[in-house]
Amino acid sequence: MNASTPSPHRNRPSSAEDWLARLLSPDCGASDHMAFEDWLAESPRNALDYVEVERLHQMAGALRSDVGSSAAAAPLTTRSTTARRKHARHRFLALAAALVLAIGGGLWLIANFRQAPSSQYATAVGEQRHVNLPDGSWLVLDTDTLVQVTYERSWRRIALLRGRLQADVMRDGSRPFVVTSGGGSVRALGTVFQVERQSENTIVRLLQGRVVVDTRAGHTRELHPLQQLAYDQTGKLGSPQSVDSEAAESWTRGRLVFKNERLADLVSEFNRYSRDQLVLSEATLGDIRVSGAFNADDQAGLLAALRQGWGLQAKSAGKNRIELSASKQ
């Protein structure tokens, strides 16, 4: 037998039986599900094989249950042994017939698996929305957000295409809840967490429970409650940082809470909720530290607070632009 170079995917299952074992494993992660989707897409035969193996696994479980019950109830006599053999033969024939039906109807099952119905939900600038999901989980969508929701037999998937969401997840060990965004994904059990998609990065904030962040670069990190981290489009992970729960959840109630934050960050956050965009006359103003709680839709109240507390003046700078500058002494 000639030696060959080990495949870079040597740890990836190569058969339907191995994939079933991997998906049923308690440490199966979002990256495993994505690799499984890729394997299914490689060949129609792969999908047919998986349908057959999964049906066989389910029927074998039912058969073991029936056999166990019969063995406990029947005495070990020649007649009962013969009867059990006939019963087992009938069960085998029924199982074979069921597999034929499974293969015959495989294309329908695969289509149902590969093309599960998806729903899109969106919010306009300044709008927020609560979305109740089929399993009892729910989402809060922030301003200018777009998500695609797909519920399949083996997992629940939310694609964050734009904006920010908070997810309150109903626990279901048989179907991981996964949010994909940019260069990675977030896998959760029963938990509350946020995902924010920015132009270059995705930020994940964990409020309750447990989530695992997987990236396309192969990095994985588990977050603890009241931690957040960011990853970029290439899948590079940042370091976990602490989260203030009041500030993190305030936007879900229409409030924006800032605790010693940079003015540049405050302006960026407020600009998400209005078509009238705030700009700074000088970049150095962005380093001013600001604390306060504001209604997300009350730009006029924010400008009044900045004028009274930090001496900043606001003036029109063209269509949909308001310039902030320092007061002249």
C-alpha atoms as a PDB file:
ATOM      1  CA  MET A   1       0.000   0.000   0.000  1.00  0.00           C
ATOM      2  CA  ASN A   2       1.514   3.332  -1.078  1.00  0.00           C
ATOM      3  CA  ALA A   3       1.843   6.081   1.468  1.00  0.00           C
ATOM      4  CA  SER A   4      -0.097   9.261   0.769  1.00  0.00           C
ATOM      5  CA  THR A   5      -0.140  12.768   2.121  1.00  0.00           C
ATOM      6  CA  PRO A   6      -2.684  13.189   4.906  1.00  0.00           C
ATOM      7  CA  SER A   7      -5.710  15.174   3.843  1.00  0.00           C
ATOM      8  CA  PRO A   8      -6.226  18.546   5.556  1.00  0.00           C
ATOM      9  CA  HIS A   9      -9.832  17.377   6.143  1.00  0.00           C
ATOM     10  CA  ARG A  10      -8.907  14.007   7.609  1.00  0.00           C
ATOM     11  CA  ASN A  11     -10.998  14.714  10.716  1.00  0.00           C
ATOM     12  CA  ARG A  12     -14.119  15.494   8.701  1.00  0.00           C
ATOM     13  CA  PRO A  13     -16.581  12.588   8.449  1.00  0.00           C
ATOM     14  CA  SER A  14     -16.623  11.000   5.008  1.00  0.00           C
ATOM     15  CA  SER A  15     -19.759   8.838   5.211  1.00  0.00           C
ATOM     16  CA  ALA A  16     -23.410   9.299   6.098  1.00  0.00           C
ATOM     17  CA  GLU A  17     -22.987   7.022   9.151  1.00  0.00           C
ATOM     18  CA  ASP A  18     -20.063   9.076  10.448  1.00  0.00           C
ATOM     19  CA  TRP A  19     -21.935  12.327   9.867  1.00  0.00           C
ATOM     20  CA  LEU A  20     -24.927  11.074  11.830  1.00  0.00           C
ATOM     21  CA  ALA A  21     -22.625  10.181  14.735  1.00  0.00           C
ATOM     22  CA  ARG A  22     -20.991  13.624  14.579  1.00  0.00           C
ATOM     23  CA  LEU A  23     -24.292  15.502  14.518  1.00  0.00           C
ATOM     24  CA  LEU A  24     -25.601  13.487  17.472  1.00  0.00           C
ATOM     25  CA  SER A  25     -22.421  14.135  19.465  1.00  0.00           C
ATOM     26  CA  PRO A  26     -22.874  16.555  22.399  1.00  0.00           C
ATOM     27  CA  ASP A  27     -19.830  18.585  21.281  1.00  0.00           C
ATOM     28  CA  CYS A  28     -21.140  19.114  17.748  1.00  0.00           C
ATOM     29  CA  GLY A  29     -20.633  22.772  16.899  1.00  0.00           C
ATOM     30  CA  ALA A  30     -21.770  25.320  14.339  1.00  0.00           C
ATOM     31  CA  SER A  31     -18.652  24.652  12.240  1.00  0.00           C
ATOM     32  CA  ASP A  32     -19.665  20.971  12.093  1.00  0.00           C
ATOM     33  CA  HIS A  33     -23.102  21.921  10.783  1.00  0.00           C
ATOM     34  CA  MET A  34     -21.571  24.176   8.136  1.00  0.00           C
ATOM     35  CA  ALA A  35     -19.181  21.379   7.074  1.00  0.00           C
ATOM     36  CA  PHE A  36     -22.155  18.983   6.952  1.00  0.00           C
ATOM     37  CA  GLU A  37     -24.007  21.381   4.655  1.00  0.00           C
ATOM     38  CA  ASP A  38     -20.927  21.486   2.405  1.00  0.00           C
ATOM     39  CA  TRP A  39     -20.751  17.673   2.350  1.00  0.00           C
ATOM     40  CA  LEU A  40     -24.428  17.422   1.389  1.00  0.00           C
ATOM     41  CA  ALA A  41     -23.866  19.873  -1.443  1.00  0.00           C
ATOM     42  CA  GLU A  42     -20.970  17.856  -2.884  1.00  0.00           C
ATOM     43  CA  SER A  43     -23.231  15.160  -4.338  1.00  0.00           C
ATOM     44  CA  PRO A  44     -26.926  14.216  -4.461  1.00  0.00           C
ATOM     45  CA  ARG A  45     -25.806  10.724  -3.415  1.00  0.00           C
ATOM     46  CA  ASN A  46     -24.542  12.100  -0.099  1.00  0.00           C
ATOM     47  CA  ALA A  47     -27.948  13.544   0.707  1.00  0.00           C
ATOM     48  CA  LEU A  48     -29.728  10.307  -0.253  1.00  0.00           C
ATOM     49  CA  ASP A  49     -27.335   8.265   1.886  1.00  0.00           C
ATOM     50  CA  TYR A  50     -27.896  10.541   4.863  1.00  0.00           C
ATOM     51  CA  VAL A  51     -31.691  10.328   4.571  1.00  0.00           C
ATOM     52  CA  GLU A  52     -31.428   6.531   4.516  1.00  0.00           C
ATOM     53  CA  VAL A  53     -29.054   6.347   7.493  1.00  0.00           C
ATOM     54  CA  GLU A  54     -31.088   8.777   9.587  1.00  0.00           C
ATOM     55  CA  ARG A  55     -34.331   6.880   8.922  1.00  0.00           C
ATOM     56  CA  LEU A  56     -32.607   3.579   9.721  1.00  0.00           C
ATOM     57  CA  HIS A  57     -31.307   5.028  12.970  1.00  0.00           C
ATOM     58  CA  GLN A  58     -34.774   6.172  14.004  1.00  0.00           C
ATOM     59  CA  MET A  59     -36.408   2.878  13.091  1.00  0.00           C
ATOM     60  CA  ALA A  60     -33.682   0.878  14.812  1.00  0.00           C
ATOM     61  CA  GLY A  61     -34.395   2.794  17.990  1.00  0.00           C
ATOM     62  CA  ALA A  62     -38.065   1.939  17.760  1.00  0.00           C
ATOM     63  CA  LEU A  63     -37.221  -1.694  17.002  1.00  0.00           C
ATOM     64  CA  ARG A  64     -34.905  -1.959  20.013  1.00  0.00           C
ATOM     65  CA  SER A  65     -37.683  -0.574  22.176  1.00  0.00           C
ATOM     66  CA  ASP A  66     -40.156  -3.157  20.858  1.00  0.00           C
ATOM     67  CA  VAL A  67     -37.715  -6.054  21.184  1.00  0.00           C
ATOM     68  CA  GLY A  68     -36.849  -5.031  24.726  1.00  0.00           C
ATOM     69  CA  SER A  69     -40.487  -4.963  25.715  1.00  0.00           C
ATOM     70  CA  SER A  70     -41.161  -8.382  24.098  1.00  0.00           C
ATOM     71  CA  ALA A  71     -38.141  -9.991  25.710  1.00  0.00           C
ATOM     72  CA  ALA A  72     -39.250  -8.861  29.137  1.00  0.00           C
ATOM     73  CA  ALA A  73     -42.776 -10.217  28.677  1.00  0.00           C
ATOM     74  CA  ALA A  74     -42.351 -13.523  26.755  1.00  0.00           C
ATOM     75  CA  PRO A  75     -41.230 -16.852  28.379  1.00  0.00           C
ATOM     76  CA  LEU A  76     -38.322 -18.656  26.716  1.00  0.00           C
ATOM     77  CA  THR A  77     -40.176 -21.576  25.111  1.00  0.00           C
ATOM     78  CA  THR A  78     -39.702 -23.092  21.676  1.00  0.00           C
ATOM     79  CA  ARG A  79     -43.068 -21.760  20.542  1.00  0.00           C
ATOM     80  CA  SER A  80     -42.402 -18.244  21.789  1.00  0.00           C
ATOM     81  CA  THR A  81     -38.927 -18.292  20.212  1.00  0.00           C
ATOM     82  CA  THR A  82     -40.446 -19.269  16.856  1.00  0.00           C
ATOM     83  CA  ALA A  83     -43.049 -16.559  17.214  1.00  0.00           C
ATOM     84  CA  ARG A  84     -40.388 -13.987  18.008  1.00  0.00           C
ATOM     85  CA  ARG A  85     -38.415 -15.038  14.944  1.00  0.00           C
ATOM     86  CA  LYS A  86     -41.518 -14.598  12.771  1.00  0.00           C
ATOM     87  CA  HIS A  87     -42.171 -11.250  14.429  1.00  0.00           C
ATOM     88  CA  ALA A  88     -38.573 -10.166  13.863  1.00  0.00           C
ATOM     89  CA  ARG A  89     -38.800 -11.231  10.219  1.00  0.00           C
ATOM     90  CA  HIS A  90     -41.975  -9.204   9.786  1.00  0.00           C
ATOM     91  CA  ARG A  91     -40.306  -6.243  11.444  1.00  0.00           C
ATOM     92  CA  PHE A  92     -37.295  -6.630   9.148  1.00  0.00           C
ATOM     93  CA  LEU A  93     -39.513  -6.714   6.061  1.00  0.00           C
ATOM     94  CA  ALA A  94     -41.408  -3.680   7.277  1.00  0.00           C
ATOM     95  CA  LEU A  95     -38.134  -1.898   7.931  1.00  0.00           C
ATOM     96  CA  ALA A  96     -36.875  -2.769   4.440  1.00  0.00           C
ATOM     97  CA  ALA A  97     -40.108  -1.506   2.906  1.00  0.00           C
ATOM     98  CA  ALA A  98     -39.864   1.701   4.901  1.00  0.00           C
ATOM     99  CA  LEU A  99     -36.308   2.235   3.672  1.00  0.00           C
ATOM    100  CA  VAL A 100     -37.454   1.767   0.082  1.00  0.00           C
ATOM    101  CA  LEU A 101     -40.085   4.448   0.667  1.00  0.00           C
ATOM    102  CA  ALA A 102     -37.489   6.674   2.326  1.00  0.00           C
ATOM    103  CA  ILE A 103     -35.169   6.362  -0.676  1.00  0.00           C
ATOM    104  CA  GLY A 104     -38.045   6.732  -3.127  1.00  0.00           C
ATOM    105  CA  GLY A 105     -39.166   9.892  -1.393  1.00  0.00           C
ATOM    106  CA  GLY A 106     -35.621  10.987  -0.696  1.00  0.00           C
ATOM    107  CA  LEU A 107     -35.600  13.821  -3.180  1.00  0.00           C
ATOM    108  CA  TRP A 108     -38.602  15.414  -1.453  1.00  0.00           C
ATOM    109  CA  LEU A 109     -36.995  15.013   1.966  1.00  0.00           C
ATOM    110  CA  ILE A 110     -33.715  16.437   0.743  1.00  0.00           C
ATOM    111  CA  ALA A 111     -35.447  19.375  -0.880  1.00  0.00           C
ATOM    112  CA  ASN A 112     -37.221  19.992   2.407  1.00  0.00           C
ATOM    113  CA  PHE A 113     -33.893  19.790   4.262  1.00  0.00           C
ATOM    114  CA  ARG A 114     -31.761  21.779   1.834  1.00  0.00           C
ATOM    115  CA  GLN A 115     -34.369  24.406   1.016  1.00  0.00           C
ATOM    116  CA  ALA A 116     -36.169  24.907   4.291  1.00  0.00           C
ATOM    117  CA  PRO A 117     -38.535  27.885   4.151  1.00  0.00           C
ATOM    118  CA  SER A 118     -36.885  31.126   5.205  1.00  0.00           C
ATOM    119  CA  SER A 119     -38.476  34.301   6.481  1.00  0.00           C
ATOM    120  CA  GLN A 120     -37.009  37.779   6.329  1.00  0.00           C
ATOM    121  CA  TYR A 121     -37.667  40.488   8.901  1.00  0.00           C
ATOM    122  CA  ALA A 122     -36.540  44.092   8.586  1.00  0.00           C
ATOM    123  CA  THR A 123     -36.786  47.412  10.375  1.00  0.00           C
ATOM    124  CA  ALA A 124     -36.562  50.905   8.933  1.00  0.00           C
ATOM    125  CA  VAL A 125     -34.352  53.668  10.287  1.00  0.00           C
ATOM    126  CA  GLY A 126     -35.694  54.619  13.717  1.00  0.00           C
ATOM    127  CA  GLU A 127     -37.880  51.488  13.993  1.00  0.00           C
ATOM    128  CA  GLN A 128     -37.596  48.491  16.329  1.00  0.00           C
ATOM    129  CA  ARG A 129     -39.438  45.185  16.109  1.00  0.00           C
ATOM    130  CA  HIS A 130     -40.134  42.083  18.236  1.00  0.00           C
ATOM    131  CA  VAL A 131     -40.232  38.776  16.342  1.00  0.00           C
ATOM    132  CA  ASN A 132     -41.691  35.637  17.925  1.00  0.00           C
ATOM    133  CA  LEU A 133     -40.106  32.472  16.498  1.00  0.00           C
ATOM    134  CA  PRO A 134     -41.859  29.079  16.040  1.00  0.00           C
ATOM    135  CA  ASP A 135     -40.125  27.400  19.000  1.00  0.00           C
ATOM    136  CA  GLY A 136     -40.903  30.110  21.553  1.00  0.00           C
ATOM    137  CA  SER A 137     -37.626  31.988  21.097  1.00  0.00           C
ATOM    138  CA  TRP A 138     -37.860  35.644  20.193  1.00  0.00           C
ATOM    139  CA  LEU A 139     -35.785  38.410  18.650  1.00  0.00           C
ATOM    140  CA  VAL A 140     -35.600  42.151  19.184  1.00  0.00           C
ATOM    141  CA  LEU A 141     -34.486  43.884  15.992  1.00  0.00           C
ATOM    142  CA  ASP A 142     -32.876  47.286  16.329  1.00  0.00           C
ATOM    143  CA  THR A 143     -33.127  50.161  13.884  1.00  0.00           C
ATOM    144  CA  ASP A 144     -32.179  49.508  10.223  1.00  0.00           C
ATOM    145  CA  THR A 145     -31.803  45.742  10.713  1.00  0.00           C
ATOM    146  CA  LEU A 146     -32.335  42.849   8.305  1.00  0.00           C
ATOM    147  CA  VAL A 147     -32.360  39.162   9.290  1.00  0.00           C
ATOM    148  CA  GLN A 148     -33.190  35.894   7.559  1.00  0.00           C
ATOM    149  CA  VAL A 149     -34.676  33.133   9.741  1.00  0.00           C
ATOM    150  CA  THR A 150     -34.439  29.466   8.695  1.00  0.00           C
ATOM    151  CA  TYR A 151     -35.681  26.585  10.867  1.00  0.00           C
ATOM    152  CA  GLU A 152     -34.428  23.182   9.700  1.00  0.00           C
ATOM    153  CA  ARG A 153     -34.639  19.667  11.128  1.00  0.00           C
ATOM    154  CA  SER A 154     -31.145  19.783  12.593  1.00  0.00           C
ATOM    155  CA  TRP A 155     -30.685  23.448  13.543  1.00  0.00           C
ATOM    156  CA  ARG A 156     -32.178  26.914  13.829  1.00  0.00           C
ATOM    157  CA  ARG A 157     -30.342  29.567  11.849  1.00  0.00           C
ATOM    158  CA  ILE A 158     -30.549  33.355  11.925  1.00  0.00           C
ATOM    159  CA  ALA A 159     -28.538  35.248   9.323  1.00  0.00           C
ATOM    160  CA  LEU A 160     -27.865  38.819  10.443  1.00  0.00           C
ATOM    161  CA  LEU A 161     -27.475  40.702   7.171  1.00  0.00           C
ATOM    162  CA  ARG A 162     -27.532  44.215   8.622  1.00  0.00           C
ATOM    163  CA  GLY A 163     -27.944  45.951  11.966  1.00  0.00           C
ATOM    164  CA  ARG A 164     -28.297  44.520  15.475  1.00  0.00           C
ATOM    165  CA  LEU A 165     -30.448  41.974  17.267  1.00  0.00           C
ATOM    166  CA  GLN A 166     -31.032  40.533  20.701  1.00  0.00           C
ATOM    167  CA  ALA A 167     -32.039  36.871  20.912  1.00  0.00           C
ATOM    168  CA  ASP A 168     -33.824  35.198  23.820  1.00  0.00           C
ATOM    169  CA  VAL A 169     -33.383  31.512  22.976  1.00  0.00           C
ATOM    170  CA  MET A 170     -35.618  28.603  23.990  1.00  0.00           C
ATOM    171  CA  ARG A 171     -33.436  25.618  24.863  1.00  0.00           C
ATOM    172  CA  ASP A 172     -33.537  22.709  22.385  1.00  0.00           C
ATOM    173  CA  GLY A 173     -30.557  20.366  22.623  1.00  0.00           C
ATOM    174  CA  SER A 174     -31.433  18.610  19.369  1.00  0.00           C
ATOM    175  CA  ARG A 175     -31.422  21.835  17.302  1.00  0.00           C
ATOM    176  CA  PRO A 176     -28.651  24.367  17.957  1.00  0.00           C
ATOM    177  CA  PHE A 177     -29.577  28.023  17.603  1.00  0.00           C
ATOM    178  CA  VAL A 178     -26.990  29.724  15.376  1.00  0.00           C
ATOM    179  CA  VAL A 179     -26.637  33.369  14.338  1.00  0.00           C
ATOM    180  CA  THR A 180     -24.325  33.973  11.382  1.00  0.00           C
ATOM    181  CA  SER A 181     -22.796  37.384  10.702  1.00  0.00           C
ATOM    182  CA  GLY A 182     -19.810  38.382   8.604  1.00  0.00           C
ATOM    183  CA  GLY A 183     -16.854  36.077   9.129  1.00  0.00           C
ATOM    184  CA  GLY A 184     -18.306  33.896  11.858  1.00  0.00           C
ATOM    185  CA  SER A 185     -21.259  32.540  13.783  1.00  0.00           C
ATOM    186  CA  VAL A 186     -22.639  32.378  17.322  1.00  0.00           C
ATOM    187  CA  ARG A 187     -24.041  29.114  18.698  1.00  0.00           C
ATOM    188  CA  ALA A 188     -26.312  29.258  21.745  1.00  0.00           C
ATOM    189  CA  LEU A 189     -28.386  27.082  24.034  1.00  0.00           C
ATOM    190  CA  GLY A 190     -30.987  28.637  26.335  1.00  0.00           C
ATOM    191  CA  THR A 191     -29.561  32.114  26.641  1.00  0.00           C
ATOM    192  CA  VAL A 192     -29.884  35.851  25.956  1.00  0.00           C
ATOM    193  CA  PHE A 193     -27.313  37.503  23.727  1.00  0.00           C
ATOM    194  CA  GLN A 194     -26.815  40.263  21.166  1.00  0.00           C
ATOM    195  CA  VAL A 195     -25.113  40.325  17.783  1.00  0.00           C
ATOM    196  CA  GLU A 196     -24.253  43.617  16.088  1.00  0.00           C
ATOM    197  CA  ARG A 197     -22.999  43.749  12.515  1.00  0.00           C
ATOM    198  CA  GLN A 198     -20.825  46.729  11.674  1.00  0.00           C
ATOM    199  CA  SER A 199     -19.071  47.628   8.418  1.00  0.00           C
ATOM    200  CA  GLU A 200     -15.903  45.678   9.241  1.00  0.00           C
ATOM    201  CA  ASN A 201     -16.619  43.800  12.474  1.00  0.00           C
ATOM    202  CA  THR A 202     -19.273  41.802  14.269  1.00  0.00           C
ATOM    203  CA  ILE A 203     -19.725  42.306  18.023  1.00  0.00           C
ATOM    204  CA  VAL A 204     -21.210  39.560  20.218  1.00  0.00           C
ATOM    205  CA  ARG A 205     -22.519  40.413  23.701  1.00  0.00           C
ATOM    206  CA  LEU A 206     -23.635  37.719  26.143  1.00  0.00           C
ATOM    207  CA  LEU A 207     -26.148  38.759  28.800  1.00  0.00           C
ATOM    208  CA  GLN A 208     -27.245  35.367  30.162  1.00  0.00           C
ATOM    209  CA  GLY A 209     -26.319  31.728  29.626  1.00  0.00           C
ATOM    210  CA  ARG A 210     -23.600  30.464  27.292  1.00  0.00           C
ATOM    211  CA  VAL A 211     -22.593  31.018  23.678  1.00  0.00           C
ATOM    212  CA  VAL A 212     -19.733  29.771  21.535  1.00  0.00           C
ATOM    213  CA  VAL A 213     -18.303  31.993  18.801  1.00  0.00           C
ATOM    214  CA  ASP A 214     -16.878  30.210  15.727  1.00  0.00           C
ATOM    215  CA  THR A 215     -15.118  32.029  12.881  1.00  0.00           C
ATOM    216  CA  ARG A 216     -14.167  31.101   9.336  1.00  0.00           C
ATOM    217  CA  ALA A 217     -10.523  31.278  10.381  1.00  0.00           C
ATOM    218  CA  GLY A 218     -11.118  28.272  12.637  1.00  0.00           C
ATOM    219  CA  HIS A 219     -11.061  30.196  15.923  1.00  0.00           C
ATOM    220  CA  THR A 220     -13.505  29.291  18.696  1.00  0.00           C
ATOM    221  CA  ARG A 221     -14.229  31.120  21.935  1.00  0.00           C
ATOM    222  CA  GLU A 222     -16.832  30.543  24.647  1.00  0.00           C
ATOM    223  CA  LEU A 223     -18.195  33.672  26.297  1.00  0.00           C
ATOM    224  CA  HIS A 224     -19.270  34.024  29.904  1.00  0.00           C
ATOM    225  CA  PRO A 225     -22.222  36.186  31.006  1.00  0.00           C
ATOM    226  CA  LEU A 226     -21.618  39.939  30.699  1.00  0.00           C
ATOM    227  CA  GLN A 227     -18.759  39.529  28.238  1.00  0.00           C
ATOM    228  CA  GLN A 228     -18.425  40.711  24.667  1.00  0.00           C
ATOM    229  CA  LEU A 229     -15.943  40.229  21.846  1.00  0.00           C
ATOM    230  CA  ALA A 230     -15.519  41.285  18.235  1.00  0.00           C
ATOM    231  CA  TYR A 231     -14.339  39.448  15.131  1.00  0.00           C
ATOM    232  CA  ASP A 232     -13.603  40.781  11.668  1.00  0.00           C
ATOM    233  CA  GLN A 233     -14.503  39.578   8.184  1.00  0.00           C
ATOM    234  CA  THR A 234     -11.460  37.289   8.043  1.00  0.00           C
ATOM    235  CA  GLY A 235     -12.480  35.556  11.280  1.00  0.00           C
ATOM    236  CA  LYS A 236      -9.836  37.112  13.518  1.00  0.00           C
ATOM    237  CA  LEU A 237     -11.082  37.185  17.137  1.00  0.00           C
ATOM    238  CA  GLY A 238     -10.584  40.002  19.598  1.00  0.00           C
ATOM    239  CA  SER A 239     -10.203  39.572  23.345  1.00  0.00           C
ATOM    240  CA  PRO A 240     -13.292  39.313  25.597  1.00  0.00           C
ATOM    241  CA  GLN A 241     -14.267  42.485  27.431  1.00  0.00           C
ATOM    242  CA  SER A 242     -16.706  43.254  30.224  1.00  0.00           C
ATOM    243  CA  VAL A 243     -20.256  44.381  29.430  1.00  0.00           C
ATOM    244  CA  ASP A 244     -22.465  46.722  31.424  1.00  0.00           C
ATOM    245  CA  SER A 245     -25.858  45.010  31.339  1.00  0.00           C
ATOM    246  CA  GLU A 246     -27.889  48.228  31.723  1.00  0.00           C
ATOM    247  CA  ALA A 247     -26.092  49.934  28.855  1.00  0.00           C
ATOM    248  CA  ALA A 248     -26.154  46.818  26.662  1.00  0.00           C
ATOM    249  CA  GLU A 249     -29.910  46.229  27.014  1.00  0.00           C
ATOM    250  CA  SER A 250     -31.045  49.848  27.026  1.00  0.00           C
ATOM    251  CA  TRP A 251     -31.580  50.019  23.250  1.00  0.00           C
ATOM    252  CA  THR A 252     -34.175  47.218  23.447  1.00  0.00           C
ATOM    253  CA  ARG A 253     -36.315  49.654  25.473  1.00  0.00           C
ATOM    254  CA  GLY A 254     -35.733  52.634  23.170  1.00  0.00           C
ATOM    255  CA  ARG A 255     -33.082  54.177  25.435  1.00  0.00           C
ATOM    256  CA  LEU A 256     -29.376  54.765  24.889  1.00  0.00           C
ATOM    257  CA  VAL A 257     -27.222  54.724  28.029  1.00  0.00           C
ATOM    258  CA  PHE A 258     -23.632  55.989  27.957  1.00  0.00           C
ATOM    259  CA  LYS A 259     -21.208  55.738  30.845  1.00  0.00           C
ATOM    260  CA  ASN A 260     -18.035  57.730  30.254  1.00  0.00           C
ATOM    261  CA  GLU A 261     -18.130  56.952  26.527  1.00  0.00           C
ATOM    262  CA  ARG A 262     -16.377  58.825  23.725  1.00  0.00           C
ATOM    263  CA  LEU A 263     -18.491  61.475  21.989  1.00  0.00           C
ATOM    264  CA  ALA A 264     -17.535  59.900  18.654  1.00  0.00           C
ATOM    265  CA  ASP A 265     -19.138  56.627  19.749  1.00  0.00           C
ATOM    266  CA  LEU A 266     -22.246  58.405  21.035  1.00  0.00           C
ATOM    267  CA  VAL A 267     -22.663  60.243  17.724  1.00  0.00           C
ATOM    268  CA  SER A 268     -22.240  57.013  15.763  1.00  0.00           C
ATOM    269  CA  GLU A 269     -24.872  55.288  17.903  1.00  0.00           C
ATOM    270  CA  PHE A 270     -27.414  58.113  17.632  1.00  0.00           C
ATOM    271  CA  ASN A 271     -26.922  58.342  13.869  1.00  0.00           C
ATOM    272  CA  ARG A 272     -28.340  54.828  13.549  1.00  0.00           C
ATOM    273  CA  TYR A 273     -31.778  56.107  14.621  1.00  0.00           C
ATOM    274  CA  SER A 274     -32.148  59.215  12.449  1.00  0.00           C
ATOM    275  CA  ARG A 275     -31.768  60.290   8.844  1.00  0.00           C
ATOM    276  CA  ASP A 276     -30.386  63.605  10.145  1.00  0.00           C
ATOM    277  CA  GLN A 277     -26.760  62.693  10.722  1.00  0.00           C
ATOM    278  CA  LEU A 278     -24.557  64.318  13.367  1.00  0.00           C
ATOM    279  CA  VAL A 279     -20.989  65.215  12.369  1.00  0.00           C
ATOM    280  CA  LEU A 280     -18.112  66.668  14.382  1.00  0.00           C
ATOM    281  CA  SER A 281     -16.438  69.867  13.211  1.00  0.00           C
ATOM    282  CA  GLU A 282     -13.092  68.610  14.543  1.00  0.00           C
ATOM    283  CA  ALA A 283     -11.888  65.051  15.063  1.00  0.00           C
ATOM    284  CA  THR A 284     -10.513  65.955  18.507  1.00  0.00           C
ATOM    285  CA  LEU A 285     -14.075  66.503  19.761  1.00  0.00           C
ATOM    286  CA  GLY A 286     -14.618  62.768  19.423  1.00  0.00           C
ATOM    287  CA  ASP A 287     -12.470  62.128  22.519  1.00  0.00           C
ATOM    288  CA  ILE A 288     -14.772  64.088  24.851  1.00  0.00           C
ATOM    289  CA  ARG A 289     -16.208  61.713  27.468  1.00  0.00           C
ATOM    290  CA  VAL A 290     -19.984  61.700  27.858  1.00  0.00           C
ATOM    291  CA  SER A 291     -22.335  60.055  30.362  1.00  0.00           C
ATOM    292  CA  GLY A 292     -26.116  60.085  30.273  1.00  0.00           C
ATOM    293  CA  ALA A 293     -29.334  58.324  29.307  1.00  0.00           C
ATOM    294  CA  PHE A 294     -31.258  59.485  26.258  1.00  0.00           C
ATOM    295  CA  ASN A 295     -34.291  58.430  24.245  1.00  0.00           C
ATOM    296  CA  ALA A 296     -33.061  56.970  20.988  1.00  0.00           C
ATOM    297  CA  ASP A 297     -35.533  59.010  18.935  1.00  0.00           C
ATOM    298  CA  ASP A 298     -34.935  62.316  20.770  1.00  0.00           C
ATOM    299  CA  GLN A 299     -32.107  63.937  18.845  1.00  0.00           C
ATOM    300  CA  ALA A 300     -33.230  67.405  19.944  1.00  0.00           C
ATOM    301  CA  GLY A 301     -32.967  66.354  23.604  1.00  0.00           C
ATOM    302  CA  LEU A 302     -29.452  65.039  23.006  1.00  0.00           C
ATOM    303  CA  LEU A 303     -28.350  68.291  21.367  1.00  0.00           C
ATOM    304  CA  ALA A 304     -29.761  70.297  24.287  1.00  0.00           C
ATOM    305  CA  ALA A 305     -27.885  68.082  26.777  1.00  0.00           C
ATOM    306  CA  LEU A 306     -24.628  68.438  24.845  1.00  0.00           C
ATOM    307  CA  ARG A 307     -25.053  72.204  24.769  1.00  0.00           C
ATOM    308  CA  GLN A 308     -25.794  72.498  28.498  1.00  0.00           C
ATOM    309  CA  GLY A 309     -23.388  69.872  29.825  1.00  0.00           C
ATOM    310  CA  TRP A 310     -20.467  70.009  27.418  1.00  0.00           C
ATOM    311  CA  GLY A 311     -20.772  73.428  25.762  1.00  0.00           C
ATOM    312  CA  LEU A 312     -21.275  72.066  22.251  1.00  0.00           C
ATOM    313  CA  GLN A 313     -23.161  74.000  19.598  1.00  0.00           C
ATOM    314  CA  ALA A 314     -25.205  72.477  16.753  1.00  0.00           C
ATOM    315  CA  LYS A 315     -25.865  74.011  13.338  1.00  0.00           C
ATOM    316  CA  SER A 316     -27.136  72.826   9.985  1.00  0.00           C
ATOM    317  CA  ALA A 317     -24.369  71.694   7.624  1.00  0.00           C
ATOM    318  CA  GLY A 318     -26.414  70.888   4.549  1.00  0.00           C
ATOM    319  CA  LYS A 319     -29.150  68.383   3.792  1.00  0.00           C
ATOM    320  CA  ASN A 320     -29.603  65.876   6.637  1.00  0.00           C
ATOM    321  CA  ARG A 321     -26.355  66.981   8.345  1.00  0.00           C
ATOM    322  CA  ILE A 322     -25.989  68.668  11.739  1.00  0.00           C
ATOM    323  CA  GLU A 323     -22.531  69.806  12.772  1.00  0.00           C
ATOM    324  CA  LEU A 324     -21.358  69.808  16.383  1.00  0.00           C
ATOM    325  CA  SER A 325     -18.649  72.252  17.381  1.00  0.00           C
ATOM    326  CA  ALA A 326     -17.120  73.656  20.535  1.00  0.00           C
ATOM    327  CA  SER A 327     -18.542  76.946  21.827  1.00  0.00           C
ATOM    328  CA  LYS A 328     -16.401  79.967  21.114  1.00  0.00           C
ATOM    329  CA  GLN A 329     -15.358  81.734  24.287  1.00  0.00           C
END
